[in-house]
Amino acid sequence: MKNTMKITAIFALIIGALLIMPKASKAATREVTDESTLISEISSADPGDTISLKNNITVTQPIVIAKELIIDGNGYTITGAESWTSTSGNQTMFTAQFSDAKLTLKDINLMNGPKYGVQSYDGATVILNNVNITGFKYGGVLANGGNVEIINLHLGYNGTGSNNGIEIDKGASATNNPTLTMNGVLTSDTAENVVRAAENGSLTEFTITNTENTTNKVFVTDGAVVLTDEYNNVISETELPDAVTPNVDKEKVFVTIAYNDKTLRIVVNKDEKITAELIASHIVLEDNYKIDGYYTDSSYSTEFDFNNGISTETTIYVKISEVKEEVKEPVDEEEKDETPKTGVNSYLGLATFIIAISLAGILYMKKK
């Protein structure tokens, strides 16, 4: 009887656990080949579904997404038509809006449009993985009170008059502050305004995060938003509006490295010490050249003190010189003595000496 009760209790626990467990995801993949199927499949898709492109597509209107969705381009291109229908003033090709929206774009090209290629609006998240965006008149990407994560993004030229790659902004009706997460690679056809904070009165605060494994990083210095490579060399910098306060883990400052007729800029943590090895790692020396020292002035009169932290923008002048090879005097062949030298004048002399001693010994023995 007791065993029966135990077995019944165990079954009850198992059934209860099964009832409260979340249902397994049944995410579907929906294939699309044109604008009408693209819009209809996005509308009917369940959260977590994947929209899979099987062709290049031209769209004539903005597409708004308010759920979790993956759009897999499979290398195809979505192009904005010349004749474009606006929706409530929105003319961005893809908009993820509000906190329930999480749009992942992967392996896709977005080309041409009257405003932005993609935006995250008011709490929504956009993830860009192997995405190419070019030809949009306002900009490539807009973090409009939403979250943008870069895994692999290439930006062509976007904007009119000047490039506008990724714009960090907050619309007047947005309630969330924008965030940008660098988690991979960000490249651009131009170094102008790759990442830019908008100046419109509504944006007062934003957050930038660089993951541990990201190749390209975005930093904020005293007066600029800066994109760097994996070695913290500055790729682009854009002026930071005075009214905007960024949230960053550490403040950064510029260090300009000047050597010969070259200059390059890197960013380092504010108030931290740097090393000569760090500066040297950014310099590419030609063959037979070496670093002679690090100085605070172009005339190399005052050595740079690496014992102090860097608190403001600093220039370090690196003195480079050529390593001259020692020229050896040629040996006159006529005077060159090829005879091997030992402790005696020569092997012949040594042999003669030994023979003479031996003969003397023999004669002495015969006399005895």
Protein backbone atom coordinates (compact mmCIF):
# COMPACT_ATOMS: atom_id res chain seq x y z
CA MET A 1 0.00 0.00 0.00
CA LYS A 2 2.80 2.39 0.91
CA ASN A 3 4.62 1.63 -2.37
CA THR A 4 1.45 2.38 -4.32
CA MET A 5 1.09 5.73 -2.57
CA LYS A 6 4.74 6.60 -3.30
CA ILE A 7 4.36 5.73 -6.98
CA THR A 8 1.16 7.79 -7.19
CA ALA A 9 2.90 10.77 -5.57
CA ILE A 10 5.82 10.54 -8.00
CA PHE A 11 3.49 10.45 -10.99
CA ALA A 12 1.60 13.46 -9.60
CA LEU A 13 4.85 15.42 -9.30
CA ILE A 14 5.87 14.51 -12.85
CA ILE A 15 2.49 15.53 -14.28
CA GLY A 16 2.58 18.80 -12.32
CA ALA A 17 6.06 19.58 -13.62
CA LEU A 18 4.97 18.92 -17.18
CA LEU A 19 1.98 21.21 -16.78
CA ILE A 20 4.01 24.16 -15.55
CA MET A 21 6.89 23.72 -18.05
CA PRO A 22 6.88 26.24 -20.89
CA LYS A 23 5.82 24.83 -24.22
CA ALA A 24 8.61 24.01 -26.63
CA SER A 25 9.20 26.66 -29.25
CA LYS A 26 7.70 25.90 -32.64
CA ALA A 27 9.38 28.70 -34.55
CA ALA A 28 8.65 28.45 -38.25
CA THR A 29 10.56 29.55 -41.34
CA ARG A 30 8.49 31.45 -43.90
CA GLU A 31 9.86 31.86 -47.41
CA VAL A 32 9.17 35.05 -49.36
CA THR A 33 9.93 36.13 -52.91
CA ASP A 34 8.26 39.56 -53.31
CA GLU A 35 6.95 42.55 -51.38
CA SER A 36 3.40 41.30 -50.88
CA THR A 37 4.46 37.94 -49.40
CA LEU A 38 7.11 39.68 -47.30
CA ILE A 39 4.53 41.98 -45.70
CA SER A 40 1.89 39.28 -45.28
CA GLU A 41 4.29 36.75 -43.76
CA ILE A 42 5.65 39.34 -41.32
CA SER A 43 2.09 40.19 -40.31
CA SER A 44 1.05 36.57 -39.73
CA ALA A 45 4.32 35.31 -38.25
CA ASP A 46 4.46 34.13 -34.66
CA PRO A 47 7.10 35.60 -32.33
CA GLY A 48 10.42 33.93 -33.01
CA ASP A 49 9.66 32.95 -36.60
CA THR A 50 12.14 33.44 -39.43
CA ILE A 51 11.35 35.23 -42.68
CA SER A 52 13.62 33.75 -45.36
CA LEU A 53 14.24 35.64 -48.60
CA LYS A 54 14.46 33.59 -51.77
CA ASN A 55 14.87 36.48 -54.16
CA ASN A 56 15.83 40.15 -54.41
CA ILE A 57 12.83 42.27 -53.43
CA THR A 58 11.79 45.85 -54.13
CA VAL A 59 9.59 47.49 -51.48
CA THR A 60 7.43 50.58 -51.86
CA GLN A 61 6.54 51.28 -48.22
CA PRO A 62 8.00 51.12 -44.72
CA ILE A 63 7.74 47.85 -42.82
CA VAL A 64 6.97 48.02 -39.08
CA ILE A 65 7.63 45.09 -36.75
CA ALA A 66 6.29 44.83 -33.19
CA LYS A 67 7.29 41.25 -32.30
CA GLU A 68 10.41 39.09 -32.11
CA LEU A 69 11.38 38.19 -35.65
CA ILE A 70 14.36 37.08 -37.72
CA ILE A 71 14.72 38.17 -41.32
CA ASP A 72 17.29 36.00 -43.10
CA GLY A 73 18.25 37.58 -46.39
CA ASN A 74 20.33 34.63 -47.61
CA GLY A 75 22.55 37.20 -49.32
CA TYR A 76 19.70 38.86 -51.24
CA THR A 77 18.93 42.59 -51.43
CA ILE A 78 15.87 44.60 -50.46
CA THR A 79 15.74 47.83 -52.45
CA GLY A 80 13.52 50.83 -51.88
CA ALA A 81 11.47 51.87 -54.90
CA GLU A 82 11.66 55.40 -56.28
CA SER A 83 7.94 55.82 -55.58
CA TRP A 84 7.52 55.42 -51.82
CA THR A 85 4.40 55.43 -49.64
CA SER A 86 4.82 57.01 -46.22
CA THR A 87 3.10 55.54 -43.14
CA SER A 88 2.24 58.17 -40.52
CA GLY A 89 5.37 60.08 -41.45
CA ASN A 90 7.57 56.99 -41.12
CA GLN A 91 9.68 56.38 -44.21
CA THR A 92 12.28 54.03 -42.78
CA MET A 93 12.57 50.69 -44.57
CA PHE A 94 12.47 48.52 -41.39
CA THR A 95 11.29 49.76 -37.99
CA ALA A 96 11.21 47.66 -34.83
CA GLN A 97 9.02 49.52 -32.37
CA PHE A 98 8.27 49.26 -28.65
CA SER A 99 9.76 46.93 -26.07
CA ASP A 100 8.20 43.69 -27.38
CA ALA A 101 9.96 44.05 -30.71
CA LYS A 102 13.27 42.32 -31.39
CA LEU A 103 14.30 42.33 -35.03
CA THR A 104 17.34 40.37 -36.18
CA LEU A 105 18.56 41.07 -39.70
CA LYS A 106 21.12 38.60 -41.04
CA ASP A 107 22.88 38.00 -44.36
CA ILE A 108 20.98 40.82 -46.08
CA ASN A 109 21.60 43.99 -48.10
CA LEU A 110 19.40 47.06 -47.67
CA MET A 111 19.64 49.62 -50.46
CA ASN A 112 18.09 53.03 -51.15
CA GLY A 113 15.31 54.75 -49.27
CA PRO A 114 13.95 58.21 -48.42
CA LYS A 115 15.00 58.11 -44.73
CA TYR A 116 16.79 55.36 -42.76
CA GLY A 117 17.55 51.75 -43.56
CA VAL A 118 16.52 50.43 -40.16
CA GLN A 119 15.57 51.90 -36.81
CA SER A 120 14.92 50.67 -33.27
CA TYR A 121 12.20 52.79 -31.71
CA ASP A 122 11.41 53.33 -28.03
CA GLY A 123 12.62 50.17 -26.33
CA ALA A 124 12.77 47.91 -29.35
CA THR A 125 15.93 45.95 -30.19
CA VAL A 126 17.59 45.60 -33.60
CA ILE A 127 20.44 43.12 -34.13
CA LEU A 128 22.51 43.45 -37.29
CA ASN A 129 24.51 40.39 -38.34
CA ASN A 130 26.22 40.39 -41.73
CA VAL A 131 24.19 43.34 -42.98
CA ASN A 132 25.12 45.89 -45.65
CA ILE A 133 23.25 49.22 -45.71
CA THR A 134 23.76 51.90 -48.35
CA GLY A 135 21.99 54.67 -50.21
CA PHE A 136 19.55 55.97 -47.56
CA LYS A 137 19.02 59.72 -47.54
CA TYR A 138 18.80 60.27 -43.76
CA GLY A 139 21.17 57.57 -42.58
CA GLY A 140 21.91 53.87 -42.37
CA VAL A 141 20.80 53.00 -38.82
CA LEU A 142 18.75 54.98 -36.30
CA ALA A 143 18.76 54.09 -32.60
CA ASN A 144 15.66 56.14 -31.79
CA GLY A 145 15.15 55.49 -28.10
CA GLY A 146 15.81 51.81 -28.87
CA ASN A 147 18.64 49.32 -28.71
CA VAL A 148 21.00 48.51 -31.58
CA GLU A 149 23.49 45.64 -31.45
CA ILE A 150 26.22 45.38 -34.06
CA ILE A 151 27.56 41.91 -34.81
CA ASN A 152 28.65 42.46 -38.40
CA LEU A 153 27.62 45.62 -40.23
CA HIS A 154 28.99 47.36 -43.30
CA LEU A 155 27.85 50.87 -44.08
CA GLY A 156 28.06 52.35 -47.54
CA TYR A 157 27.41 56.05 -48.03
CA ASN A 158 24.17 57.11 -46.38
CA GLY A 159 22.98 60.70 -46.05
CA THR A 160 22.79 63.83 -48.14
CA GLY A 161 25.51 66.44 -47.95
CA SER A 162 27.44 64.36 -45.42
CA ASN A 163 27.55 60.71 -44.44
CA ASN A 164 25.34 59.53 -41.57
CA GLY A 165 26.06 55.93 -40.66
CA ILE A 166 24.58 55.16 -37.22
CA GLU A 167 22.57 57.93 -35.59
CA ILE A 168 21.90 57.81 -31.84
CA ASP A 169 18.73 59.80 -31.14
CA LYS A 170 15.55 60.03 -29.13
CA GLY A 171 12.30 61.18 -30.70
CA ALA A 172 10.13 63.66 -28.86
CA SER A 173 7.53 60.97 -28.11
CA ALA A 174 10.01 58.23 -27.15
CA THR A 175 10.23 57.35 -23.47
CA ASN A 176 13.42 55.24 -23.50
CA ASN A 177 17.02 56.32 -23.94
CA PRO A 178 18.93 54.73 -26.84
CA THR A 179 21.72 52.18 -26.46
CA LEU A 180 24.42 50.93 -28.81
CA THR A 181 26.15 47.60 -28.21
CA MET A 182 29.31 46.74 -30.11
CA ASN A 183 29.64 42.98 -30.38
CA GLY A 184 31.69 42.37 -33.51
CA VAL A 185 32.70 44.26 -36.64
CA LEU A 186 31.61 47.67 -37.97
CA THR A 187 33.08 48.89 -41.25
CA SER A 188 32.26 51.86 -43.46
CA ASP A 189 33.11 53.21 -46.90
CA THR A 190 33.79 56.59 -45.31
CA ALA A 191 35.27 57.74 -42.01
CA GLU A 192 32.83 60.64 -41.66
CA ASN A 193 30.00 60.32 -39.10
CA VAL A 194 30.12 56.55 -38.81
CA VAL A 195 28.58 56.88 -35.34
CA ARG A 196 26.88 60.16 -34.44
CA ALA A 197 24.85 61.48 -31.51
CA ALA A 198 22.01 63.72 -32.72
CA GLU A 199 21.54 67.27 -31.52
CA ASN A 200 17.81 67.96 -31.45
CA GLY A 201 16.95 68.77 -27.83
CA SER A 202 15.27 65.44 -27.05
CA LEU A 203 18.41 63.34 -26.75
CA THR A 204 20.06 63.98 -23.39
CA GLU A 205 21.45 60.57 -22.48
CA PHE A 206 22.55 57.37 -24.18
CA THR A 207 24.55 54.24 -23.36
CA ILE A 208 27.38 52.58 -25.28
CA THR A 209 28.59 49.07 -24.44
CA ASN A 210 31.58 47.24 -25.90
CA THR A 211 31.54 43.49 -25.35
CA GLU A 212 34.72 41.70 -24.40
CA ASN A 213 35.19 40.08 -27.82
CA THR A 214 34.19 42.96 -30.08
CA THR A 215 36.67 43.95 -32.80
CA ASN A 216 35.54 47.53 -33.37
CA LYS A 217 34.71 49.63 -30.35
CA VAL A 218 32.85 52.89 -29.80
CA PHE A 219 34.12 55.22 -27.08
CA VAL A 220 33.22 58.66 -25.84
CA THR A 221 35.90 61.23 -25.07
CA ASP A 222 35.40 64.72 -23.66
CA GLY A 223 33.92 66.00 -26.87
CA ALA A 224 33.55 63.19 -29.40
CA VAL A 225 32.00 59.84 -30.20
CA VAL A 226 34.86 57.69 -31.49
CA LEU A 227 34.99 54.48 -33.52
CA THR A 228 38.22 52.48 -33.12
CA ASP A 229 39.75 49.32 -34.49
CA GLU A 230 40.85 46.33 -32.42
CA TYR A 231 44.04 48.18 -31.37
CA ASN A 232 42.14 51.32 -30.29
CA ASN A 233 43.37 53.28 -33.32
CA VAL A 234 40.83 55.98 -34.14
CA ILE A 235 38.89 55.30 -37.36
CA SER A 236 36.39 58.14 -37.06
CA GLU A 237 35.28 60.74 -34.56
CA THR A 238 32.13 62.84 -34.42
CA GLU A 239 31.46 65.84 -32.22
CA LEU A 240 29.38 65.12 -29.12
CA PRO A 241 26.59 67.68 -28.51
CA ASP A 242 27.06 69.68 -25.31
CA ALA A 243 23.61 68.80 -23.95
CA VAL A 244 24.12 65.05 -24.28
CA THR A 245 25.54 62.92 -21.47
CA PRO A 246 26.74 59.42 -22.42
CA ASN A 247 26.92 56.49 -20.03
CA VAL A 248 30.30 54.78 -20.37
CA ASP A 249 32.27 52.42 -18.18
CA LYS A 250 35.47 54.51 -18.35
CA GLU A 251 36.26 57.94 -19.68
CA LYS A 252 38.70 58.01 -22.57
CA VAL A 253 41.21 60.55 -23.84
CA PHE A 254 43.03 60.92 -27.15
CA VAL A 255 46.74 60.25 -27.54
CA THR A 256 48.31 61.41 -30.80
CA ILE A 257 51.46 59.57 -31.86
CA ALA A 258 53.72 61.61 -34.16
CA TYR A 259 56.75 60.10 -35.88
CA ASN A 260 58.61 61.15 -39.02
CA ASP A 261 55.89 62.73 -41.16
CA LYS A 262 53.10 60.49 -39.84
CA THR A 263 50.49 60.91 -37.13
CA LEU A 264 47.92 58.52 -35.73
CA ARG A 265 45.43 58.77 -32.88
CA ILE A 266 44.49 56.22 -30.27
CA VAL A 267 42.24 56.35 -27.23
CA VAL A 268 43.30 55.31 -23.73
CA ASN A 269 41.60 55.25 -20.35
CA LYS A 270 41.61 58.63 -18.68
CA ASP A 271 44.07 59.05 -15.77
CA GLU A 272 45.73 55.69 -16.43
CA LYS A 273 49.41 55.25 -17.18
CA ILE A 274 50.54 54.09 -20.59
CA THR A 275 53.79 52.39 -21.57
CA ALA A 276 56.45 52.83 -24.20
CA GLU A 277 55.62 49.32 -25.38
CA LEU A 278 52.01 50.37 -26.03
CA ILE A 279 53.12 53.35 -28.15
CA ALA A 280 55.68 51.22 -30.00
CA SER A 281 53.03 48.62 -30.84
CA HIS A 282 51.20 51.20 -32.97
CA ILE A 283 54.27 52.17 -35.01
CA VAL A 284 55.26 50.34 -38.17
CA LEU A 285 59.01 50.72 -38.63
CA GLU A 286 60.73 50.36 -41.97
CA ASP A 287 63.64 47.98 -42.26
CA ASN A 288 66.84 49.18 -40.58
CA TYR A 289 65.04 51.81 -38.48
CA LYS A 290 64.64 51.96 -34.71
CA ILE A 291 62.99 54.04 -32.00
CA ASP A 292 65.40 56.34 -30.15
CA GLY A 293 62.97 57.80 -27.61
CA TYR A 294 59.62 59.38 -26.73
CA TYR A 295 59.27 63.13 -26.27
CA THR A 296 56.76 65.86 -25.46
CA ASP A 297 57.90 68.15 -28.27
CA SER A 298 58.78 67.91 -31.94
CA SER A 299 62.37 69.00 -31.32
CA TYR A 300 62.93 66.01 -29.03
CA SER A 301 64.22 68.11 -26.16
CA THR A 302 62.04 66.81 -23.31
CA GLU A 303 61.48 63.10 -22.75
CA PHE A 304 57.93 61.93 -22.17
CA ASP A 305 57.29 60.76 -18.60
CA PHE A 306 55.46 57.43 -18.60
CA ASN A 307 55.13 57.53 -14.81
CA ASN A 308 52.16 59.91 -14.95
CA GLY A 309 48.59 59.10 -15.95
CA ILE A 310 47.06 60.63 -19.08
CA SER A 311 44.34 63.08 -18.02
CA THR A 312 43.96 65.25 -21.13
CA GLU A 313 44.52 64.95 -24.86
CA THR A 314 48.24 64.33 -25.34
CA THR A 315 50.73 64.19 -28.19
CA ILE A 316 53.80 61.95 -27.99
CA TYR A 317 56.63 62.58 -30.43
CA VAL A 318 58.62 59.46 -31.31
CA LYS A 319 62.18 59.88 -32.55
CA ILE A 320 63.09 57.42 -35.29
CA SER A 321 66.58 56.87 -36.70
CA GLU A 322 68.20 54.64 -39.27
CA VAL A 323 70.41 51.80 -38.13
CA LYS A 324 73.61 52.18 -40.13
CA GLU A 325 75.55 49.02 -40.83
CA GLU A 326 79.26 49.02 -39.91
CA VAL A 327 81.46 49.17 -43.01
CA LYS A 328 84.49 46.84 -42.75
CA GLU A 329 87.83 47.80 -44.35
CA PRO A 330 88.63 45.50 -47.30
CA VAL A 331 91.66 43.21 -46.86
CA ASP A 332 94.48 43.50 -49.44
CA GLU A 333 94.70 40.09 -51.10
CA GLU A 334 98.48 40.43 -51.64
CA GLU A 335 99.15 41.00 -47.96
CA LYS A 336 96.71 38.39 -46.82
CA ASP A 337 98.49 35.60 -44.92
CA GLU A 338 96.69 32.32 -45.49
CA THR A 339 99.03 30.33 -43.21
CA PRO A 340 97.17 28.85 -40.27
CA LYS A 341 98.33 30.33 -37.01
CA THR A 342 99.03 28.38 -33.80
CA GLY A 343 101.07 28.99 -30.60
CA VAL A 344 104.24 28.47 -32.69
CA ASN A 345 104.81 30.38 -35.92
CA SER A 346 103.36 27.62 -38.06
CA TYR A 347 102.74 23.87 -38.20
CA LEU A 348 105.95 23.55 -40.23
CA GLY A 349 107.99 25.29 -37.56
CA LEU A 350 106.45 23.09 -34.90
CA ALA A 351 107.30 19.95 -36.88
CA THR A 352 110.91 21.08 -37.43
CA PHE A 353 111.30 21.79 -33.72
CA ILE A 354 110.00 18.35 -32.75
CA ILE A 355 112.30 16.60 -35.27
CA ALA A 356 115.34 18.49 -33.99
CA ILE A 357 114.61 17.53 -30.40
CA SER A 358 114.11 13.91 -31.42
CA LEU A 359 117.47 13.74 -33.31
CA ALA A 360 119.25 15.32 -30.39
CA GLY A 361 117.77 12.69 -28.15
CA ILE A 362 118.83 9.84 -30.42
CA LEU A 363 122.45 11.14 -30.70
CA TYR A 364 122.64 11.47 -26.95
CA MET A 365 121.43 7.89 -26.47
CA LYS A 366 124.05 6.57 -28.96
CA LYS A 367 126.87 8.32 -27.11
CA LYS A 368 125.66 6.73 -23.91
